[in-house]
């Protein structure tokens, strides 16, 4: 088993959550999302981002509008729908619970489990 495979799966697991948070701040263009994710060391490519945005739109969590650009073709700007905001609130709760649980588990390094029989 390669550690890289597990690392990729961990990042994929939080990608949707991070994208929804980025969009929740206001209208955002896909390339700006890519830039923010990359700068946060969540490596993602356009071939991953666009299908995910399409899936989120079809699920009713995000919507987009076309905005004319002076420097090229029109751009798609994404925003969260009300359903998307509610969905993200639920994910925030889950994230908080996972963080607490994970922190509790990994902070016990080197100690024996109290549930283990001797």
Protein backbone atom coordinates (compact mmCIF):
# COMPACT_ATOMS: atom_id res chain seq x y z
CA UNK A 1 0.00 0.00 0.00
CA UNK A 2 1.36 3.41 -0.95
CA UNK A 3 0.94 6.40 1.32
CA UNK A 4 0.38 8.63 -1.71
CA UNK A 5 -2.86 6.79 -2.54
CA UNK A 6 -4.23 7.41 0.94
CA UNK A 7 -3.15 11.06 0.83
CA UNK A 8 -4.97 11.54 -2.49
CA UNK A 9 -8.12 9.96 -1.07
CA UNK A 10 -7.97 12.21 2.00
CA UNK A 11 -7.70 15.30 -0.20
CA UNK A 12 -10.51 14.15 -2.49
CA UNK A 13 -12.71 13.64 0.54
CA UNK A 14 -12.56 17.29 1.51
CA UNK A 15 -12.43 18.84 -1.96
CA UNK A 16 -16.20 19.36 -2.28
CA UNK A 17 -16.31 20.85 1.22
CA UNK A 18 -13.51 23.31 0.41
CA UNK A 19 -15.07 24.30 -2.91
CA UNK A 20 -18.42 25.01 -1.27
CA UNK A 21 -16.65 27.18 1.32
CA UNK A 22 -14.85 29.16 -1.37
CA UNK A 23 -18.11 29.72 -3.25
CA UNK A 24 -19.93 30.66 -0.03
CA UNK A 25 -17.90 33.88 0.19
CA UNK A 26 -19.53 35.28 -2.93
CA UNK A 27 -19.38 35.08 -6.70
CA UNK A 28 -16.26 33.25 -7.78
CA UNK A 29 -14.70 32.25 -11.07
CA UNK A 30 -13.43 28.68 -11.50
CA UNK A 31 -9.81 29.69 -12.11
CA UNK A 32 -9.87 31.65 -8.83
CA UNK A 33 -11.06 28.48 -7.07
CA UNK A 34 -8.22 26.52 -8.65
CA UNK A 35 -5.72 29.13 -7.53
CA UNK A 36 -6.96 29.14 -3.94
CA UNK A 37 -7.06 25.35 -3.72
CA UNK A 38 -3.57 25.08 -5.16
CA UNK A 39 -2.17 27.73 -2.82
CA UNK A 40 -3.71 25.78 0.08
CA UNK A 41 -1.87 22.68 -1.19
CA UNK A 42 -5.05 20.93 -2.24
CA UNK A 43 -3.90 19.95 -5.67
CA UNK A 44 -6.71 19.89 -8.19
CA UNK A 45 -6.86 20.25 -11.95
CA UNK A 46 -9.55 21.67 -14.23
CA UNK A 47 -10.49 18.13 -15.26
CA UNK A 48 -11.51 17.47 -11.66
CA UNK A 49 -13.00 20.85 -10.79
CA UNK A 50 -15.42 21.34 -13.68
CA UNK A 51 -17.19 17.96 -13.36
CA UNK A 52 -17.51 18.58 -9.61
CA UNK A 53 -19.02 22.04 -10.22
CA UNK A 54 -21.45 20.50 -12.71
CA UNK A 55 -22.46 17.86 -10.16
CA UNK A 56 -22.97 20.54 -7.49
CA UNK A 57 -25.10 22.57 -9.91
CA UNK A 58 -27.24 19.56 -10.87
CA UNK A 59 -27.73 18.85 -7.16
CA UNK A 60 -29.06 22.40 -6.72
CA UNK A 61 -26.24 23.47 -4.40
CA UNK A 62 -24.60 26.03 -6.68
CA UNK A 63 -25.67 28.19 -9.57
CA UNK A 64 -23.77 30.30 -12.01
CA UNK A 65 -24.20 33.32 -14.19
CA UNK A 66 -22.32 34.41 -17.27
CA UNK A 67 -20.47 37.71 -17.03
CA UNK A 68 -18.98 39.47 -20.05
CA UNK A 69 -15.23 39.95 -19.92
CA UNK A 70 -13.21 42.75 -21.49
CA UNK A 71 -10.22 40.43 -21.83
CA UNK A 72 -11.79 37.43 -23.55
CA UNK A 73 -14.89 35.26 -23.60
CA UNK A 74 -17.64 35.54 -20.97
CA UNK A 75 -16.90 33.96 -17.61
CA UNK A 76 -19.02 31.73 -15.38
CA UNK A 77 -19.30 33.00 -11.82
CA UNK A 78 -20.56 30.56 -9.20
CA UNK A 79 -22.64 31.25 -6.09
CA UNK A 80 -24.31 29.03 -3.51
CA UNK A 81 -28.03 28.50 -3.57
CA UNK A 82 -30.07 28.54 -0.36
CA UNK A 83 -30.02 24.74 -0.50
CA UNK A 84 -26.23 24.93 -0.90
CA UNK A 85 -25.93 27.12 2.19
CA UNK A 86 -27.99 24.67 4.23
CA UNK A 87 -25.94 21.76 2.88
CA UNK A 88 -22.70 23.53 3.80
CA UNK A 89 -23.97 24.21 7.34
CA UNK A 90 -24.51 20.49 7.75
CA UNK A 91 -21.04 19.77 6.39
CA UNK A 92 -19.58 22.34 8.80
CA UNK A 93 -21.16 20.47 11.71
CA UNK A 94 -19.79 17.17 10.41
CA UNK A 95 -16.34 18.71 9.90
CA UNK A 96 -16.31 20.04 13.48
CA UNK A 97 -17.27 16.62 14.83
CA UNK A 98 -14.64 14.88 12.69
CA UNK A 99 -11.96 17.34 13.79
CA UNK A 100 -12.79 16.79 17.46
CA UNK A 101 -12.84 13.01 17.06
CA UNK A 102 -9.67 12.90 15.02
CA UNK A 103 -7.83 15.24 17.39
CA UNK A 104 -8.88 13.11 20.32
CA UNK A 105 -7.65 9.93 18.68
CA UNK A 106 -4.32 11.23 17.40
CA UNK A 107 -3.53 13.09 20.62
CA UNK A 108 -3.38 9.76 22.46
CA UNK A 109 -0.19 8.65 20.72
CA UNK A 110 1.83 6.26 22.81
CA UNK A 111 -0.96 5.50 25.30
CA UNK A 112 -2.75 2.20 25.53
CA UNK A 113 -6.41 2.02 24.73
CA UNK A 114 -8.57 1.77 27.84
CA UNK A 115 -10.98 -0.51 26.02
CA UNK A 116 -8.32 -3.15 25.30
CA UNK A 117 -8.41 -6.24 27.49
CA UNK A 118 -5.21 -7.34 29.23
